[in-house]
Amino acid sequence: EVQLQASGGGSVQTGGSLRLSCRVSGVTLDDYAIGWWRRAPGTERELVSCINAGDGETYYGGSVEPGRFTISSDNAENTVYLQMRDLRPEDTAVYYCNAKPKSRDTDYWGKGTRVTVSS
């Protein structure tokens, strides 16, 4: 069974940092692409970043400035990280982890972790 556990959210002031973790159980991680999505109250879900855990290729959504967020994977620990720096109130949202196997058209979702950035 594929299971995703997101953690690391919390409350931080503008300019602070947080590191989110997504642990994926029941898979060989390098067979998957892992994405971070977020959803603010009353808004649509948007893609923040994703990584091909096999070759390390990364992608960042258009609303994220390069370098402010960094995605990485630790395949031995079956964990993908999202390091967030210089956080702003606009980053306030529930962040979700998504896993997509390369071999089939399937998506798996975990329960989100909440990030709150205060002014």
C-alpha atoms as a PDB file:
ATOM      1  CA  GLU A   1       0.000   0.000   0.000  1.00  0.00           C
ATOM      2  CA  VAL A   2       1.288   3.438  -0.925  1.00  0.00           C
ATOM      3  CA  GLN A   3       1.089   5.881   1.953  1.00  0.00           C
ATOM      4  CA  LEU A   4       2.296   9.470   2.174  1.00  0.00           C
ATOM      5  CA  GLN A   5       2.973  11.364   5.388  1.00  0.00           C
ATOM      6  CA  ALA A   6       3.625  15.087   5.228  1.00  0.00           C
ATOM      7  CA  SER A   7       5.092  16.919   8.199  1.00  0.00           C
ATOM      8  CA  GLY A   8       7.095  19.979   9.168  1.00  0.00           C
ATOM      9  CA  GLY A   9       4.474  22.689   8.908  1.00  0.00           C
ATOM     10  CA  GLY A  10       3.976  25.320  11.542  1.00  0.00           C
ATOM     11  CA  SER A  11       3.678  29.005  12.258  1.00  0.00           C
ATOM     12  CA  VAL A  12       6.479  31.400  11.349  1.00  0.00           C
ATOM     13  CA  GLN A  13       6.965  35.135  10.935  1.00  0.00           C
ATOM     14  CA  THR A  14       7.639  36.804   7.615  1.00  0.00           C
ATOM     15  CA  GLY A  15      11.195  36.055   6.528  1.00  0.00           C
ATOM     16  CA  GLY A  16      11.433  32.811   8.458  1.00  0.00           C
ATOM     17  CA  SER A  17      12.139  29.285   7.243  1.00  0.00           C
ATOM     18  CA  LEU A  18      10.527  25.866   7.409  1.00  0.00           C
ATOM     19  CA  ARG A  19      11.440  22.444   6.060  1.00  0.00           C
ATOM     20  CA  LEU A  20       8.616  20.165   5.018  1.00  0.00           C
ATOM     21  CA  SER A  21       9.041  16.400   4.779  1.00  0.00           C
ATOM     22  CA  CYS A  22       7.107  13.845   2.765  1.00  0.00           C
ATOM     23  CA  ARG A  23       7.760  10.224   3.632  1.00  0.00           C
ATOM     24  CA  VAL A  24       6.450   7.737   1.074  1.00  0.00           C
ATOM     25  CA  SER A  25       5.900   4.196   2.330  1.00  0.00           C
ATOM     26  CA  GLY A  26       5.422   1.022   0.331  1.00  0.00           C
ATOM     27  CA  VAL A  27       7.398   2.013  -2.772  1.00  0.00           C
ATOM     28  CA  THR A  28      10.845   2.218  -4.288  1.00  0.00           C
ATOM     29  CA  LEU A  29      11.149   5.968  -4.356  1.00  0.00           C
ATOM     30  CA  ASP A  30      13.272   6.267  -7.509  1.00  0.00           C
ATOM     31  CA  ASP A  31      10.336   4.852  -9.505  1.00  0.00           C
ATOM     32  CA  TYR A  32       8.242   7.917  -8.634  1.00  0.00           C
ATOM     33  CA  ALA A  33       7.839  11.592  -9.232  1.00  0.00           C
ATOM     34  CA  ILE A  34       6.992  13.453  -6.033  1.00  0.00           C
ATOM     35  CA  GLY A  35       5.222  16.801  -5.949  1.00  0.00           C
ATOM     36  CA  TRP A  36       4.445  19.463  -3.401  1.00  0.00           C
ATOM     37  CA  TRP A  37       1.135  21.284  -3.823  1.00  0.00           C
ATOM     38  CA  ARG A  38      -0.520  23.950  -1.729  1.00  0.00           C
ATOM     39  CA  ARG A  39      -4.005  25.302  -1.224  1.00  0.00           C
ATOM     40  CA  ALA A  40      -4.904  28.527   0.556  1.00  0.00           C
ATOM     41  CA  PRO A  41      -8.399  29.126   1.927  1.00  0.00           C
ATOM     42  CA  GLY A  42     -10.858  29.878  -0.857  1.00  0.00           C
ATOM     43  CA  THR A  43      -8.314  29.226  -3.634  1.00  0.00           C
ATOM     44  CA  GLU A  44      -7.499  26.490  -6.107  1.00  0.00           C
ATOM     45  CA  ARG A  45      -4.677  24.051  -5.513  1.00  0.00           C
ATOM     46  CA  GLU A  46      -1.371  25.008  -7.144  1.00  0.00           C
ATOM     47  CA  LEU A  47       1.833  23.112  -7.815  1.00  0.00           C
ATOM     48  CA  VAL A  48       4.797  24.359  -5.793  1.00  0.00           C
ATOM     49  CA  SER A  49       7.524  21.961  -6.890  1.00  0.00           C
ATOM     50  CA  CYS A  50       8.158  18.391  -7.982  1.00  0.00           C
ATOM     51  CA  ILE A  51      11.109  16.060  -8.360  1.00  0.00           C
ATOM     52  CA  ASN A  52      11.872  12.955 -10.379  1.00  0.00           C
ATOM     53  CA  ALA A  53      13.324  10.842  -7.581  1.00  0.00           C
ATOM     54  CA  GLY A  54      15.108   8.588 -10.064  1.00  0.00           C
ATOM     55  CA  ASP A  55      17.303  11.123 -11.853  1.00  0.00           C
ATOM     56  CA  GLY A  56      16.881  14.165  -9.599  1.00  0.00           C
ATOM     57  CA  GLU A  57      15.252  16.414 -12.204  1.00  0.00           C
ATOM     58  CA  THR A  58      13.287  19.205 -10.521  1.00  0.00           C
ATOM     59  CA  TYR A  59      10.558  21.622 -11.475  1.00  0.00           C
ATOM     60  CA  TYR A  60       9.235  24.721  -9.722  1.00  0.00           C
ATOM     61  CA  GLY A  61       5.847  26.291 -10.215  1.00  0.00           C
ATOM     62  CA  GLY A  62       5.644  29.682 -11.845  1.00  0.00           C
ATOM     63  CA  SER A  63       4.577  31.430  -8.649  1.00  0.00           C
ATOM     64  CA  VAL A  64       7.731  30.355  -6.775  1.00  0.00           C
ATOM     65  CA  GLU A  65      10.918  32.389  -7.150  1.00  0.00           C
ATOM     66  CA  PRO A  66      13.926  30.172  -7.937  1.00  0.00           C
ATOM     67  CA  GLY A  67      16.131  29.676  -4.906  1.00  0.00           C
ATOM     68  CA  ARG A  68      13.555  30.596  -2.283  1.00  0.00           C
ATOM     69  CA  PHE A  69      12.191  27.034  -2.194  1.00  0.00           C
ATOM     70  CA  THR A  70      14.372  23.960  -2.733  1.00  0.00           C
ATOM     71  CA  ILE A  71      13.131  20.413  -3.282  1.00  0.00           C
ATOM     72  CA  SER A  72      15.349  17.393  -2.650  1.00  0.00           C
ATOM     73  CA  SER A  73      15.042  13.654  -2.095  1.00  0.00           C
ATOM     74  CA  ASP A  74      16.672  11.126   0.197  1.00  0.00           C
ATOM     75  CA  ASN A  75      15.851   7.868  -1.543  1.00  0.00           C
ATOM     76  CA  ALA A  76      17.392   5.715   1.168  1.00  0.00           C
ATOM     77  CA  GLU A  77      14.906   7.215   3.631  1.00  0.00           C
ATOM     78  CA  ASN A  78      12.024   7.355   1.123  1.00  0.00           C
ATOM     79  CA  THR A  79      11.650  11.027   1.960  1.00  0.00           C
ATOM     80  CA  VAL A  80      11.320  14.188  -0.116  1.00  0.00           C
ATOM     81  CA  TYR A  81      11.989  17.582   1.432  1.00  0.00           C
ATOM     82  CA  LEU A  82      10.863  21.092   0.637  1.00  0.00           C
ATOM     83  CA  GLN A  83      13.141  23.702   2.196  1.00  0.00           C
ATOM     84  CA  MET A  84      11.332  27.040   2.340  1.00  0.00           C
ATOM     85  CA  ARG A  85      13.171  30.302   3.040  1.00  0.00           C
ATOM     86  CA  ASP A  86      12.150  33.953   3.204  1.00  0.00           C
ATOM     87  CA  LEU A  87       8.557  32.968   3.831  1.00  0.00           C
ATOM     88  CA  ARG A  88       5.816  35.485   3.145  1.00  0.00           C
ATOM     89  CA  PRO A  89       2.152  35.739   4.159  1.00  0.00           C
ATOM     90  CA  GLU A  90       1.216  34.695   0.611  1.00  0.00           C
ATOM     91  CA  ASP A  91       2.818  31.304   1.338  1.00  0.00           C
ATOM     92  CA  THR A  92       0.195  30.562   3.988  1.00  0.00           C
ATOM     93  CA  ALA A  93      -1.595  27.393   2.916  1.00  0.00           C
ATOM     94  CA  VAL A  94      -2.010  23.701   3.530  1.00  0.00           C
ATOM     95  CA  TYR A  95       0.807  21.884   1.736  1.00  0.00           C
ATOM     96  CA  TYR A  96       0.156  18.441   0.242  1.00  0.00           C
ATOM     97  CA  CYS A  97       2.496  15.721  -0.981  1.00  0.00           C
ATOM     98  CA  ASN A  98       1.671  13.781  -4.153  1.00  0.00           C
ATOM     99  CA  ALA A  99       3.311  10.670  -5.598  1.00  0.00           C
ATOM    100  CA  LYS A 100       3.028   9.528  -9.209  1.00  0.00           C
ATOM    101  CA  PRO A 101       4.586   6.257 -10.423  1.00  0.00           C
ATOM    102  CA  LYS A 102       6.361   6.359 -13.768  1.00  0.00           C
ATOM    103  CA  SER A 103       4.937   3.009 -14.874  1.00  0.00           C
ATOM    104  CA  ARG A 104       1.235   3.834 -14.699  1.00  0.00           C
ATOM    105  CA  ASP A 105      -1.239   6.698 -14.721  1.00  0.00           C
ATOM    106  CA  THR A 106      -1.985   6.820 -11.004  1.00  0.00           C
ATOM    107  CA  ASP A 107      -1.795   9.497  -8.317  1.00  0.00           C
ATOM    108  CA  TYR A 108      -1.469   9.089  -4.564  1.00  0.00           C
ATOM    109  CA  TRP A 109      -2.128  11.872  -2.071  1.00  0.00           C
ATOM    110  CA  GLY A 110      -1.313  12.372   1.567  1.00  0.00           C
ATOM    111  CA  LYS A 111      -2.907  14.524   4.203  1.00  0.00           C
ATOM    112  CA  GLY A 112      -1.538  18.050   4.197  1.00  0.00           C
ATOM    113  CA  THR A 113       0.576  19.965   6.670  1.00  0.00           C
ATOM    114  CA  ARG A 114      -0.388  23.540   7.487  1.00  0.00           C
ATOM    115  CA  VAL A 115       1.960  26.495   7.045  1.00  0.00           C
ATOM    116  CA  THR A 116       1.051  29.873   8.515  1.00  0.00           C
ATOM    117  CA  VAL A 117       3.181  32.953   7.860  1.00  0.00           C
ATOM    118  CA  SER A 118       2.298  36.039   9.877  1.00  0.00           C
ATOM    119  CA  SER A 119       3.095  39.652   9.052  1.00  0.00           C
END
